[in-house]
Protein backbone atom coordinates (compact mmCIF):
# COMPACT_ATOMS: atom_id res chain seq x y z
CA UNK A 1 191.83 248.72 -11.65
CA UNK A 2 189.12 246.13 -10.88
CA UNK A 3 190.41 242.57 -10.95
CA UNK A 4 187.87 241.45 -13.55
CA UNK A 5 189.48 243.54 -16.27
CA UNK A 6 192.01 241.82 -18.58
CA UNK A 7 195.50 242.53 -17.31
CA UNK A 8 198.41 240.92 -19.18
CA UNK A 9 200.70 241.57 -16.25
CA UNK A 10 203.76 239.65 -17.37
CA UNK A 11 203.86 239.65 -21.15
CA UNK A 12 202.41 241.39 -24.17
CA UNK A 13 199.61 238.82 -24.34
CA UNK A 14 196.95 237.50 -22.01
CA UNK A 15 197.46 233.81 -22.85
CA UNK A 16 199.96 231.86 -20.74
CA UNK A 17 203.14 230.47 -22.29
CA UNK A 18 204.92 227.29 -21.25
CA UNK A 19 207.99 229.34 -20.30
CA UNK A 20 206.28 231.24 -17.52
CA UNK A 21 204.63 228.01 -16.41
CA UNK A 22 207.96 226.22 -15.96
CA UNK A 23 210.40 228.96 -14.92
CA UNK A 24 211.45 230.13 -11.46
CA UNK A 25 210.66 233.72 -10.54
CA UNK A 26 212.38 236.25 -12.78
CA UNK A 27 214.50 239.00 -11.19
CA UNK A 28 212.70 242.28 -10.53
CA UNK A 29 214.16 245.77 -10.65
CA UNK A 30 213.12 249.24 -9.53
CA UNK A 31 211.99 251.97 -11.96
CA UNK A 32 214.38 254.77 -12.90
CA UNK A 33 213.78 257.48 -10.31
CA UNK A 34 216.40 260.11 -11.11
CA UNK A 35 218.41 261.70 -13.91
CA UNK A 36 221.39 259.50 -14.73
CA UNK A 37 224.23 258.88 -17.17
CA UNK A 38 225.56 255.66 -18.71
CA UNK A 39 227.93 254.74 -21.51
CA UNK A 40 225.07 253.13 -23.44
CA UNK A 41 221.32 253.41 -22.83
CA UNK A 42 219.33 250.43 -24.08
CA UNK A 43 215.54 250.46 -24.40
CA UNK A 44 214.02 246.99 -24.01
CA UNK A 45 214.82 244.12 -21.62
CA UNK A 46 214.18 241.19 -23.92
CA UNK A 47 216.87 239.01 -25.46
CA UNK A 48 218.08 241.74 -27.86
CA UNK A 49 218.50 244.43 -25.20
CA UNK A 50 219.93 242.20 -22.49
CA UNK A 51 222.40 240.52 -24.87
CA UNK A 52 223.62 243.93 -26.07
CA UNK A 53 224.09 245.09 -22.48
CA UNK A 54 225.90 241.88 -21.55
CA UNK A 55 228.32 241.88 -24.51
CA UNK A 56 229.23 245.55 -23.95
CA UNK A 57 229.55 244.93 -20.21
CA UNK A 58 232.18 242.27 -20.87
CA UNK A 59 234.32 245.07 -22.33
CA UNK A 60 233.78 247.40 -19.40
CA UNK A 61 231.09 249.48 -21.13
CA UNK A 62 228.45 250.40 -18.54
CA UNK A 63 224.92 249.90 -19.86
CA UNK A 64 221.60 251.13 -18.54
CA UNK A 65 218.63 248.99 -19.66
CA UNK A 66 215.19 250.61 -19.49
CA UNK A 67 212.05 248.47 -19.78
CA UNK A 68 208.45 249.64 -19.56
CA UNK A 69 207.27 246.28 -18.19
CA UNK A 70 209.28 243.53 -16.53
CA UNK A 71 212.23 241.57 -17.91
CA UNK A 72 210.97 239.46 -20.86
CA UNK A 73 207.51 241.03 -20.71
CA UNK A 74 207.45 241.68 -24.46
CA UNK A 75 207.80 239.05 -27.16
CA UNK A 76 210.84 237.23 -25.72
CA UNK A 77 208.57 235.43 -23.27
CA UNK A 78 206.24 234.33 -26.10
CA UNK A 79 208.80 232.64 -28.36
CA UNK A 80 209.33 228.92 -28.98
CA UNK A 81 213.09 229.43 -28.50
CA UNK A 82 214.48 227.64 -31.55
CA UNK A 83 218.19 228.29 -32.16
CA UNK A 84 218.74 227.60 -35.82
CA UNK A 85 220.71 228.50 -38.92
CA UNK A 86 218.02 226.92 -41.13
CA UNK A 87 216.40 230.23 -42.03
CA UNK A 88 212.68 230.64 -42.71
CA UNK A 89 213.05 232.33 -46.07
CA UNK A 90 215.38 229.53 -47.23
CA UNK A 91 218.82 229.90 -48.71
CA UNK A 92 217.45 229.62 -52.23
CA UNK A 93 215.63 232.92 -51.67
CA UNK A 94 218.45 234.60 -49.74
CA UNK A 95 220.95 233.70 -52.43
CA UNK A 96 218.72 235.28 -55.06
CA UNK A 97 218.28 238.45 -53.00
CA UNK A 98 221.77 238.88 -51.56
CA UNK A 99 224.01 236.72 -53.74
CA UNK A 100 226.08 233.74 -52.66
CA UNK A 101 228.27 235.88 -50.40
CA UNK A 102 225.22 237.37 -48.68
CA UNK A 103 223.70 233.93 -48.12
CA UNK A 104 227.03 232.71 -46.73
CA UNK A 105 227.18 235.66 -44.32
CA UNK A 106 223.60 234.98 -43.21
CA UNK A 107 224.48 231.35 -42.50
CA UNK A 108 227.67 232.31 -40.69
CA UNK A 109 225.98 234.95 -38.54
CA UNK A 110 223.27 232.61 -37.26
CA UNK A 111 225.81 229.83 -36.71
CA UNK A 112 227.94 232.22 -34.66
CA UNK A 113 224.86 233.39 -32.73
CA UNK A 114 224.11 229.84 -31.57
CA UNK A 115 227.73 229.41 -30.51
CA UNK A 116 227.62 232.77 -28.70
CA UNK A 117 224.60 231.71 -26.68
CA UNK A 118 226.31 228.41 -25.90
CA UNK A 119 229.42 230.29 -24.77
CA UNK A 120 227.46 232.67 -22.54
CA UNK A 121 225.62 229.75 -20.94
CA UNK A 122 228.95 228.07 -20.14
CA UNK A 123 230.79 231.19 -18.97
CA UNK A 124 228.01 232.45 -16.72
CA UNK A 125 226.94 228.94 -15.64
CA UNK A 126 223.31 229.58 -16.65
CA UNK A 127 221.07 226.58 -16.02
CA UNK A 128 218.68 227.04 -18.95
CA UNK A 129 218.38 223.57 -20.56
CA UNK A 130 220.64 224.56 -23.45
CA UNK A 131 221.34 221.65 -25.78
CA UNK A 132 222.62 221.01 -29.29
CA UNK A 133 220.43 218.82 -31.48
CA UNK A 134 219.48 218.05 -35.06
CA UNK A 135 216.87 219.92 -37.06
CA UNK A 136 214.74 218.39 -39.83
CA UNK A 137 213.21 220.33 -42.72
CA UNK A 138 210.44 218.25 -44.29
CA UNK A 139 207.74 218.54 -46.91
CA UNK A 140 204.03 219.10 -46.22
CA UNK A 141 201.40 217.06 -47.99
CA UNK A 142 201.81 217.46 -51.76
CA UNK A 143 205.23 219.08 -51.25
CA UNK A 144 207.76 218.79 -54.08
CA UNK A 145 211.04 216.91 -53.59
CA UNK A 146 212.78 219.43 -55.82
CA UNK A 147 212.27 222.07 -53.14
CA UNK A 148 214.48 220.11 -50.75
CA UNK A 149 217.07 219.44 -53.47
CA UNK A 150 217.31 223.14 -54.32
CA UNK A 151 217.59 224.13 -50.66
CA UNK A 152 220.29 221.53 -50.01
CA UNK A 153 222.40 222.90 -52.86
CA UNK A 154 221.89 226.49 -51.70
CA UNK A 155 222.75 225.60 -48.09
CA UNK A 156 225.97 223.92 -49.23
CA UNK A 157 226.90 226.99 -51.30
CA UNK A 158 226.29 229.06 -48.15
CA UNK A 159 228.90 226.99 -46.32
CA UNK A 160 226.54 224.65 -44.46
CA UNK A 161 228.07 221.56 -46.02
CA UNK A 162 227.01 219.23 -43.18
CA UNK A 163 223.34 219.58 -44.14
CA UNK A 164 222.29 216.29 -45.71
CA UNK A 165 219.34 214.86 -47.63
CA UNK A 166 217.59 211.84 -46.08
CA UNK A 167 214.88 209.65 -47.55
CA UNK A 168 213.61 209.32 -43.98
CA UNK A 169 214.81 210.70 -40.66
CA UNK A 170 214.66 207.52 -38.58
CA UNK A 171 213.20 209.47 -35.67
CA UNK A 172 210.90 208.09 -32.96
CA UNK A 173 207.32 209.25 -32.46
CA UNK A 174 207.23 211.24 -35.69
CA UNK A 175 208.71 210.30 -39.05
CA UNK A 176 208.87 213.36 -41.34
CA UNK A 177 209.83 211.26 -44.36
CA UNK A 178 212.03 212.83 -47.00
CA UNK A 179 213.84 215.71 -45.34
CA UNK A 180 217.03 217.71 -44.87
CA UNK A 181 218.95 217.14 -41.64
CA UNK A 182 220.56 220.26 -40.18
CA UNK A 183 223.11 219.28 -37.51
CA UNK A 184 224.24 221.39 -34.57
CA UNK A 185 221.05 223.36 -34.05
CA UNK A 186 220.08 224.36 -30.52
CA UNK A 187 217.32 225.07 -28.03
CA UNK A 188 217.02 226.43 -24.49
CA UNK A 189 214.58 227.77 -21.90
CA UNK A 190 214.38 231.44 -22.80
CA UNK A 191 213.29 232.78 -19.40
CA UNK A 192 215.97 230.87 -17.49
CA UNK A 193 218.51 232.22 -19.97
CA UNK A 194 217.33 235.82 -19.63
CA UNK A 195 217.33 235.57 -15.85
CA UNK A 196 220.97 234.47 -16.04
CA UNK A 197 221.82 237.29 -18.46
CA UNK A 198 220.21 239.88 -16.19
CA UNK A 199 222.18 238.61 -13.19
CA UNK A 200 225.42 238.73 -15.20
CA UNK A 201 224.73 242.32 -16.31
CA UNK A 202 224.30 243.41 -12.70
CA UNK A 203 227.54 241.64 -11.72
CA UNK A 204 229.31 243.56 -14.49
CA UNK A 205 228.15 246.85 -13.00
CA UNK A 206 225.33 247.42 -15.47
CA UNK A 207 221.90 248.60 -14.40
CA UNK A 208 218.37 247.47 -15.28
CA UNK A 209 215.29 249.59 -14.54
CA UNK A 210 211.81 248.18 -15.17
CA UNK A 211 208.40 249.91 -15.30
CA UNK A 212 210.20 252.81 -16.97
CA UNK A 213 208.57 253.99 -20.20
CA UNK A 214 210.78 255.90 -22.63
CA UNK A 215 208.90 258.66 -24.44
CA UNK A 216 211.71 260.42 -26.33
CA UNK A 217 214.97 259.34 -27.97
CA UNK A 218 217.54 261.97 -28.96
CA UNK A 219 220.79 261.06 -30.72
CA UNK A 220 223.73 263.24 -31.62
CA UNK A 221 226.20 265.07 -29.43
CA UNK A 222 223.74 265.21 -26.51
CA UNK A 223 222.36 261.69 -26.74
CA UNK A 224 219.63 261.02 -24.21
CA UNK A 225 216.27 259.43 -23.61
CA UNK A 226 213.43 260.98 -21.64
CA UNK A 227 211.04 258.81 -19.63
CA UNK A 228 207.33 259.29 -19.04
CA UNK A 229 208.18 260.34 -15.48
CA UNK A 230 210.42 263.10 -16.82
CA UNK A 231 213.77 261.55 -15.95
CA UNK A 232 216.63 261.97 -18.41
CA UNK A 233 219.13 259.18 -19.07
CA UNK A 234 222.18 260.54 -20.92
CA UNK A 235 224.25 258.22 -23.11
CA UNK A 236 227.93 259.09 -23.57
CA UNK A 237 228.42 256.52 -26.35
CA UNK A 238 225.15 255.30 -27.88
CA UNK A 239 221.46 254.53 -27.59
CA UNK A 240 220.06 251.14 -28.62
CA UNK A 241 216.32 250.62 -29.25
CA UNK A 242 215.63 246.90 -28.82
CA UNK A 243 211.84 246.82 -28.53
CA UNK A 244 210.89 244.20 -31.17
CA UNK A 245 209.84 247.01 -33.49
CA UNK A 246 211.30 250.53 -33.13
CA UNK A 247 209.07 253.27 -31.72
CA UNK A 248 211.62 256.02 -32.40
CA UNK A 249 211.28 255.64 -36.18
CA UNK A 250 207.79 256.76 -37.14
CA UNK A 251 207.63 255.73 -40.80
CA UNK A 252 210.72 254.41 -42.59
CA UNK A 253 211.31 251.08 -40.84
CA UNK A 254 207.59 250.29 -40.81
CA UNK A 255 207.45 250.33 -44.61
CA UNK A 256 210.23 247.73 -44.65
CA UNK A 257 208.63 245.13 -42.40
CA UNK A 258 205.20 243.88 -41.35
CA UNK A 259 203.83 242.54 -38.07
CA UNK A 260 202.42 239.00 -38.01
CA UNK A 261 200.68 237.03 -35.28
CA UNK A 262 201.86 233.47 -34.82
CA UNK A 263 200.19 230.74 -32.74
CA UNK A 264 201.58 228.05 -30.44
CA UNK A 265 200.19 225.00 -28.67
CA UNK A 266 202.03 222.82 -26.14
CA UNK A 267 200.87 219.26 -25.41
CA UNK A 268 201.99 216.66 -22.90
CA UNK A 269 203.81 213.67 -24.38
CA UNK A 270 205.41 210.76 -22.46
CA UNK A 271 209.12 211.24 -21.86
CA UNK A 272 211.19 209.57 -24.56
CA UNK A 273 208.24 209.04 -26.89
CA UNK A 274 209.48 211.53 -29.51
CA UNK A 275 213.04 212.11 -30.71
CA UNK A 276 214.34 215.37 -29.30
CA UNK A 277 214.96 217.57 -32.33
CA UNK A 278 213.74 220.66 -34.12
CA UNK A 279 211.24 220.07 -36.93
CA UNK A 280 210.03 222.49 -39.62
CA UNK A 281 207.97 221.97 -42.76
CA UNK A 282 208.04 223.99 -45.97
CA UNK A 283 204.36 224.97 -45.86
CA UNK A 284 203.34 228.62 -46.10
CA UNK A 285 202.86 229.53 -43.32
CA UNK A 286 205.18 226.86 -42.06
CA UNK A 287 204.96 224.77 -38.86
CA UNK A 288 207.76 224.61 -36.29
CA UNK A 289 208.10 221.95 -33.59
CA UNK A 290 210.32 221.20 -30.59
CA UNK A 291 210.28 219.45 -27.21
CA UNK A 292 210.55 221.21 -23.86
CA UNK A 293 211.73 219.19 -20.91
CA UNK A 294 209.51 219.63 -17.86
CA UNK A 295 211.39 219.81 -14.55
CA UNK A 296 210.49 218.09 -11.31
CA UNK A 297 207.51 219.40 -9.38
CA UNK A 298 207.70 221.29 -6.07
CA UNK A 299 207.87 218.01 -4.13
CA UNK A 300 210.78 216.66 -6.15
CA UNK A 301 210.90 213.61 -8.34
CA UNK A 302 210.71 213.51 -12.12
CA UNK A 303 207.65 214.21 -14.21
CA UNK A 304 206.62 211.49 -16.64
CA UNK A 305 206.03 213.86 -19.53
CA UNK A 306 207.59 216.57 -21.66
CA UNK A 307 205.87 219.30 -23.64
CA UNK A 308 205.64 219.12 -27.42
CA UNK A 309 205.58 222.73 -28.65
CA UNK A 310 204.08 223.38 -32.09
CA UNK A 311 203.73 226.76 -33.77
CA UNK A 312 202.36 228.16 -37.02
CA UNK A 313 199.14 229.50 -38.59
CA UNK A 314 200.64 233.00 -39.00
CA UNK A 315 198.65 235.97 -40.30
CA UNK A 316 199.05 239.74 -40.39
CA UNK A 317 198.39 241.36 -37.03
CA UNK A 318 194.85 242.68 -36.68
CA UNK A 319 193.66 240.92 -39.84
CA UNK A 320 191.98 237.75 -38.59
CA UNK A 321 188.75 237.49 -36.59
CA UNK A 322 189.14 233.87 -35.49
CA UNK A 323 192.38 233.25 -33.57
CA UNK A 324 190.75 230.37 -31.67
CA UNK A 325 190.25 228.60 -35.00
CA UNK A 326 193.98 229.00 -35.69
CA UNK A 327 194.76 227.24 -32.43
CA UNK A 328 192.31 224.45 -33.21
CA UNK A 329 193.99 223.93 -36.59
CA UNK A 330 197.35 223.63 -34.84
CA UNK A 331 195.97 221.10 -32.39
CA UNK A 332 194.49 219.05 -35.23
CA UNK A 333 197.75 219.20 -37.21
CA UNK A 334 199.67 218.07 -34.11
CA UNK A 335 197.37 215.18 -33.18
CA UNK A 336 197.45 213.87 -36.75
CA UNK A 337 201.25 213.66 -36.81
CA UNK A 338 202.20 212.93 -33.20
CA UNK A 339 200.21 209.95 -31.81
CA UNK A 340 201.86 210.31 -28.38
CA UNK A 341 200.10 213.62 -27.69
CA UNK A 342 198.03 213.67 -24.52
CA UNK A 343 196.32 216.85 -23.32
CA UNK A 344 197.14 220.32 -24.61
CA UNK A 345 198.40 222.32 -21.63
CA UNK A 346 199.28 225.72 -23.13
CA UNK A 347 197.91 227.78 -26.01
CA UNK A 348 199.30 231.22 -26.84
CA UNK A 349 200.16 233.68 -29.57
CA UNK A 350 203.08 235.98 -30.24
CA UNK A 351 204.20 238.59 -32.71
CA UNK A 352 207.01 238.50 -35.26
CA UNK A 353 208.25 241.20 -37.59
CA UNK A 354 208.66 240.05 -41.21
CA UNK A 355 211.14 242.11 -43.26
CA UNK A 356 210.42 242.49 -46.96
CA UNK A 357 213.66 240.74 -47.95
CA UNK A 358 213.86 238.00 -45.34
CA UNK A 359 216.71 239.29 -43.16
CA UNK A 360 216.59 241.23 -39.92
CA UNK A 361 217.68 244.80 -39.36
CA UNK A 362 220.47 245.60 -36.92
CA UNK A 363 222.57 248.74 -37.00
CA UNK A 364 222.18 252.50 -37.23
CA UNK A 365 218.63 253.79 -37.38
CA UNK A 366 217.70 255.37 -40.73
CA UNK A 367 217.29 259.15 -40.82
CA UNK A 368 218.86 259.43 -37.38
CA UNK A 369 222.20 260.21 -35.75
CA UNK A 370 225.01 257.73 -36.11
CA UNK A 371 224.85 256.80 -32.44
CA UNK A 372 221.23 255.55 -32.35
CA UNK A 373 220.95 251.83 -33.15
CA UNK A 374 218.03 249.44 -33.60
CA UNK A 375 217.46 245.67 -33.64
CA UNK A 376 214.25 244.53 -35.34
CA UNK A 377 212.82 242.30 -38.09
CA UNK A 378 213.30 238.95 -36.36
CA UNK A 379 211.34 236.99 -39.03
CA UNK A 380 210.70 234.05 -36.71
CA UNK A 381 214.35 233.78 -35.66
CA UNK A 382 214.24 236.18 -32.74
CA UNK A 383 216.73 234.27 -30.59
CA UNK A 384 219.58 234.19 -33.11
CA UNK A 385 218.67 237.46 -34.87
CA UNK A 386 218.71 239.27 -31.52
CA UNK A 387 222.03 237.71 -30.55
CA UNK A 388 223.81 238.44 -33.82
CA UNK A 389 222.27 241.92 -33.81
CA UNK A 390 223.68 242.55 -30.35
CA UNK A 391 227.11 241.35 -31.49
CA UNK A 392 226.98 243.61 -34.53
CA UNK A 393 225.94 246.68 -32.53
CA UNK A 394 228.55 246.02 -29.83
CA UNK A 395 231.19 246.15 -32.57
CA UNK A 396 229.77 249.37 -34.04
CA UNK A 397 229.60 251.04 -30.63
CA UNK A 398 233.22 250.08 -30.00
CA UNK A 399 234.32 251.28 -33.43
CA UNK A 400 235.19 247.83 -34.78
CA UNK A 401 234.37 246.51 -38.25
CA UNK A 402 231.86 243.68 -38.45
CA UNK A 403 231.44 241.46 -41.54
CA UNK A 404 227.63 241.49 -41.19
CA UNK A 405 227.17 245.29 -41.07
CA UNK A 406 226.06 245.79 -44.67
CA UNK A 407 223.89 242.67 -44.77
CA UNK A 408 221.75 243.71 -41.77
CA UNK A 409 221.95 247.49 -42.28
CA UNK A 410 218.51 249.05 -41.52
CA UNK A 411 219.23 251.61 -44.25
CA UNK A 412 219.60 248.98 -46.98
CA UNK A 413 217.43 248.83 -50.09
CA UNK A 414 217.22 245.40 -51.73
CA UNK A 415 216.71 246.04 -55.45
CA UNK A 416 215.39 242.65 -56.48
CA UNK A 417 212.05 241.75 -58.03
CA UNK A 418 210.92 239.51 -55.14
CA UNK A 419 211.80 242.12 -52.54
CA UNK A 420 210.08 244.90 -54.50
CA UNK A 421 206.94 242.81 -54.94
CA UNK A 422 206.83 242.08 -51.22
CA UNK A 423 207.33 245.77 -50.41
CA UNK A 424 204.45 246.75 -52.70
CA UNK A 425 202.16 243.97 -51.49
CA UNK A 426 202.60 244.78 -47.81
CA UNK A 427 202.26 248.53 -48.22
CA UNK A 428 199.20 248.25 -50.46
CA UNK A 429 197.72 246.04 -47.74
CA UNK A 430 198.36 248.85 -45.23
CA UNK A 431 196.86 251.49 -47.51
CA UNK A 432 193.65 249.49 -47.91
CA UNK A 433 193.21 249.38 -44.14
CA UNK A 434 192.66 253.16 -44.09
CA UNK A 435 189.34 252.60 -45.90
CA UNK A 436 187.95 251.61 -42.49
CA UNK A 437 188.06 255.26 -41.45
CA UNK A 438 185.05 255.74 -43.74
CA UNK A 439 183.04 252.60 -42.97
CA UNK A 440 180.58 251.76 -40.22
CA UNK A 441 181.55 249.92 -37.05
CA UNK A 442 181.60 246.24 -36.13
CA UNK A 443 178.36 246.80 -34.22
CA UNK A 444 175.77 249.57 -34.03
CA UNK A 445 175.24 249.60 -30.27
CA UNK A 446 177.06 248.39 -27.16
CA UNK A 447 174.16 246.00 -26.50
CA UNK A 448 175.55 243.79 -29.26
CA UNK A 449 178.90 243.31 -27.45
CA UNK A 450 179.15 240.19 -25.27
CA UNK A 451 180.69 240.36 -21.81
CA UNK A 452 184.47 239.97 -21.97
CA UNK A 453 184.60 241.11 -25.59
CA UNK A 454 185.24 244.29 -27.55
CA UNK A 455 184.07 245.88 -30.78
CA UNK A 456 184.47 249.09 -32.76
CA UNK A 457 181.43 251.29 -33.31
CA UNK A 458 180.95 254.53 -35.18
CA UNK A 459 179.79 257.55 -33.22
CA UNK A 460 179.30 260.50 -35.54
CA UNK A 461 182.59 261.18 -37.28
CA UNK A 462 184.55 259.12 -34.77
CA UNK A 463 185.27 255.45 -34.29
CA UNK A 464 185.24 254.17 -30.73
CA UNK A 465 186.81 251.00 -29.31
CA UNK A 466 184.42 249.60 -26.70
CA UNK A 467 185.25 246.82 -24.26
CA UNK A 468 182.55 245.25 -22.10
CA UNK A 469 183.93 243.67 -18.92
CA UNK A 470 182.63 240.56 -17.17
CA UNK A 471 180.31 242.70 -15.03
CA UNK A 472 178.71 244.26 -18.10
CA UNK A 473 180.33 247.69 -17.68
CA UNK A 474 181.67 249.29 -20.87
CA UNK A 475 185.04 250.98 -21.26
CA UNK A 476 185.62 253.25 -24.24
CA UNK A 477 188.63 254.74 -25.97
CA UNK A 478 189.45 256.00 -29.42
CA UNK A 479 189.71 253.28 -32.06
CA UNK A 480 192.42 255.24 -33.91
CA UNK A 481 195.98 253.96 -33.47
CA UNK A 482 198.21 256.84 -32.33
CA UNK A 483 201.04 255.68 -34.57
CA UNK A 484 199.72 256.52 -38.06
CA UNK A 485 195.97 256.63 -37.62
CA UNK A 486 194.64 253.19 -38.61
CA UNK A 487 191.49 251.74 -37.03
CA UNK A 488 192.32 249.03 -34.47
CA UNK A 489 190.66 245.59 -34.43
CA UNK A 490 189.58 243.48 -31.44
CA UNK A 491 191.65 240.36 -30.71
CA UNK A 492 189.33 238.02 -28.80
CA UNK A 493 192.14 235.60 -27.87
CA UNK A 494 194.51 238.05 -26.20
CA UNK A 495 191.72 240.53 -25.31
CA UNK A 496 193.61 243.34 -26.99
CA UNK A 497 193.16 246.01 -29.63
CA UNK A 498 195.52 245.31 -32.56
CA UNK A 499 196.45 247.72 -35.34
CA UNK A 500 196.19 246.03 -38.77
CA UNK A 501 198.60 248.51 -40.38
CA UNK A 502 201.86 248.30 -38.43
CA UNK A 503 201.17 245.95 -35.53
CA UNK A 504 200.76 248.28 -32.54
CA UNK A 505 198.76 246.59 -29.78
CA UNK A 506 196.84 247.83 -26.76
CA UNK A 507 195.08 246.28 -23.77
CA UNK A 508 191.29 246.13 -23.59
CA UNK A 509 191.44 249.48 -21.80
CA UNK A 510 193.67 251.05 -24.44
CA UNK A 511 197.02 250.82 -22.62
CA UNK A 512 200.08 250.31 -24.84
CA UNK A 513 201.36 246.73 -25.27
CA UNK A 514 203.47 246.87 -28.45
CA UNK A 515 204.93 249.57 -30.66
CA UNK A 516 205.51 251.21 -33.02
CA UNK A 517 202.95 253.38 -31.23
CA UNK A 518 204.51 254.89 -28.12
CA UNK A 519 201.35 255.80 -26.25
CA UNK A 520 197.99 254.21 -25.50
CA UNK A 521 194.71 254.78 -27.31
CA UNK A 522 193.29 258.24 -26.63
CA UNK A 523 190.14 258.71 -24.54
CA UNK A 524 186.95 258.42 -26.58
């Protein structure tokens, strides 16, 4: 492939994240090159897959992890790595949807997940900048104080009795004003953590194979996966699909959750100029903020700055034509509130899966055998959701009861008005996207496409996705997503084709980046 073509070699996006810019080299592994057998076969080498492999490995269960890219090449490397039990959909909402006991279990599971990460870091001596710290939930402009009062009461009913209301936080460099303080939150460097997890899995006798694409998943008495190279990996106990969104479930799970793009900027700030904490507002979409310590440079010595990481500006995948404007809005929001900000060093986007009822899915895959499990629906809490999901599945694989099983069951149906309205809204949104099969293209001819950009054009009865490289050569593929047939849209930030229906993403040349599609765009 010519070097001038976009090639997101390390993650599912072309933009660079602060994690890859500040991490040592990640471990590399060989592809699967033969038929093999393991106790558990896990698809996906992000935090969900690696944590599952590690927890099972501690019990002597041998895991085989298969990854079609490199370790952390999916969404785990594009997170902001908050570790929090202050959930995005708020305990007021969770209590309404799942009752007080459900909200209490949600709080407990995320609290345990933070402690589990802390325990793994200590046991395996992983140098990943893990720290406990406070979190502050504050109001945006024109926010209502009652919102904080209601959330405080709901959090206390959920067992988080140390959460407290403050008229002001007393923090340095940014004063959120009236807020809720959530003690004992956490943060870490996700890539350093995953590198340590991978090393621990290998020490346990587990195996990781990268650049190995899984095409088929078969549960039941002859559980196995089949790779694109034709190799069969047999699972004597279970198969776990931990790929952000499951590719082995064609329809059911994708009616229960929706893919959203989220945006992140990271700016230099002088060390010590801002209180080290997690910060979130109650806007919709909300903003989330943390500090990342920057290590010494290659010549030693300390840097004089840290990175202030700010995320937000979410929208449905494939349904916004101006991602650069989203980043500019984040930069403006950050400069207005944090006077210490110097230059912005990183700008990136990532993808989160939003379940219709606010809680992730972890457990047995719907309409499948009892020994095929999934972890998905992170809802902006991928670090703790993935960890608690791995704990839950480890218990199920080992035949143990787990108190969170029903709450996170992928087969659940939440019969509440808010959940039903969200289900209808998201699926009507998907249905409307199919109208594009009948419309014209973004442009009429390839002459209208600028170098380095892409556009969809109609050619007879077909729609074609055309990318024009920096040399002016065009590259064409079908504009129809192979998952369920929606027309893809061009993402001019990540230089990718994004499906507006269920979030599948492809490189400029049509190669698969994200599921639920499990193959690239077809030739034009």
